[in-house]
């Protein structure tokens, strides 16, 4: 994978994470929604590609933990069933 592609993926990941944060901050999206968790996981996955490519392993580790948190939260959301 070329440097330009890796850079574009990294910027896209940063954009997705900022979008998720902005949507929650302005109450356009709930923090306990599956869509918010999906955006967090997607943004972090894209950033991992970038940080591993540049050997920024501490950042890659943070993003890996971010994904784990998003997956665990998504599991909790799905397991509690539909809201009444």
Protein backbone atom coordinates (compact mmCIF):
# COMPACT_ATOMS: atom_id res chain seq x y z
CA UNK A 1 0.00 0.00 0.00
CA UNK A 2 1.38 3.38 -0.97
CA UNK A 3 2.12 6.30 1.31
CA UNK A 4 -0.67 8.42 -0.20
CA UNK A 5 -3.26 5.70 0.41
CA UNK A 6 -2.09 5.25 4.00
CA UNK A 7 -2.22 9.01 4.58
CA UNK A 8 -5.72 9.23 3.11
CA UNK A 9 -6.90 6.36 5.31
CA UNK A 10 -5.41 8.07 8.36
CA UNK A 11 -7.11 11.38 7.56
CA UNK A 12 -10.39 9.58 6.88
CA UNK A 13 -10.11 7.82 10.25
CA UNK A 14 -9.45 11.09 12.03
CA UNK A 15 -12.42 12.64 10.25
CA UNK A 16 -14.73 9.78 11.21
CA UNK A 17 -13.72 10.00 14.88
CA UNK A 18 -14.19 13.76 14.90
CA UNK A 19 -17.57 13.37 13.20
CA UNK A 20 -18.68 10.89 15.86
CA UNK A 21 -17.50 13.18 18.66
CA UNK A 22 -19.18 16.19 17.10
CA UNK A 23 -22.48 14.37 16.58
CA UNK A 24 -22.56 13.30 20.23
CA UNK A 25 -21.42 16.69 21.50
CA UNK A 26 -24.20 18.47 19.62
CA UNK A 27 -26.77 15.84 20.60
CA UNK A 28 -27.36 14.65 17.05
CA UNK A 29 -26.39 11.14 18.10
CA UNK A 30 -26.56 9.33 21.41
CA UNK A 31 -23.36 7.97 22.93
CA UNK A 32 -25.11 4.66 23.63
CA UNK A 33 -26.17 4.17 20.00
CA UNK A 34 -24.79 1.43 17.80
CA UNK A 35 -24.09 3.97 15.05
CA UNK A 36 -21.82 5.98 17.36
CA UNK A 37 -19.94 2.84 18.35
CA UNK A 38 -19.63 1.84 14.69
CA UNK A 39 -18.15 5.24 13.81
CA UNK A 40 -15.64 4.91 16.67
CA UNK A 41 -14.57 1.43 15.59
CA UNK A 42 -14.33 2.41 11.91
CA UNK A 43 -12.32 5.57 12.60
CA UNK A 44 -9.92 3.68 14.83
CA UNK A 45 -9.46 0.89 12.27
CA UNK A 46 -8.52 3.43 9.64
CA UNK A 47 -6.12 5.16 12.00
CA UNK A 48 -4.48 1.85 12.91
CA UNK A 49 -3.51 1.34 9.27
CA UNK A 50 -1.82 4.73 9.32
CA UNK A 51 -0.12 4.43 12.71
CA UNK A 52 1.24 0.94 12.07
CA UNK A 53 2.57 2.03 8.67
CA UNK A 54 4.46 4.87 10.35
CA UNK A 55 5.45 2.63 13.28
CA UNK A 56 3.63 4.86 15.77
CA UNK A 57 2.84 1.89 17.97
CA UNK A 58 1.60 3.81 21.04
CA UNK A 59 -1.07 5.45 18.87
CA UNK A 60 -1.90 2.12 17.25
CA UNK A 61 -2.32 0.62 20.72
CA UNK A 62 -4.68 3.42 21.80
CA UNK A 63 -6.77 2.86 18.68
CA UNK A 64 -6.85 -0.88 19.29
CA UNK A 65 -8.21 -0.26 22.80
CA UNK A 66 -10.69 2.24 21.31
CA UNK A 67 -11.97 -0.54 19.01
CA UNK A 68 -12.28 -2.99 21.91
CA UNK A 69 -14.30 -0.45 23.89
CA UNK A 70 -16.56 0.18 20.87
CA UNK A 71 -17.09 -3.56 20.38
CA UNK A 72 -17.88 -4.16 24.04
CA UNK A 73 -20.29 -1.23 24.10
CA UNK A 74 -21.94 -2.49 20.91
CA UNK A 75 -22.35 -5.92 22.46
CA UNK A 76 -23.99 -4.33 25.51
CA UNK A 77 -26.33 -2.31 23.28
CA UNK A 78 -27.36 -5.40 21.29
CA UNK A 79 -27.74 -7.64 24.34
CA UNK A 80 -30.05 -5.27 26.19
CA UNK A 81 -32.53 -5.42 23.32
CA UNK A 82 -34.75 -2.71 21.87
CA UNK A 83 -35.59 0.31 23.98
CA UNK A 84 -39.16 0.84 25.07
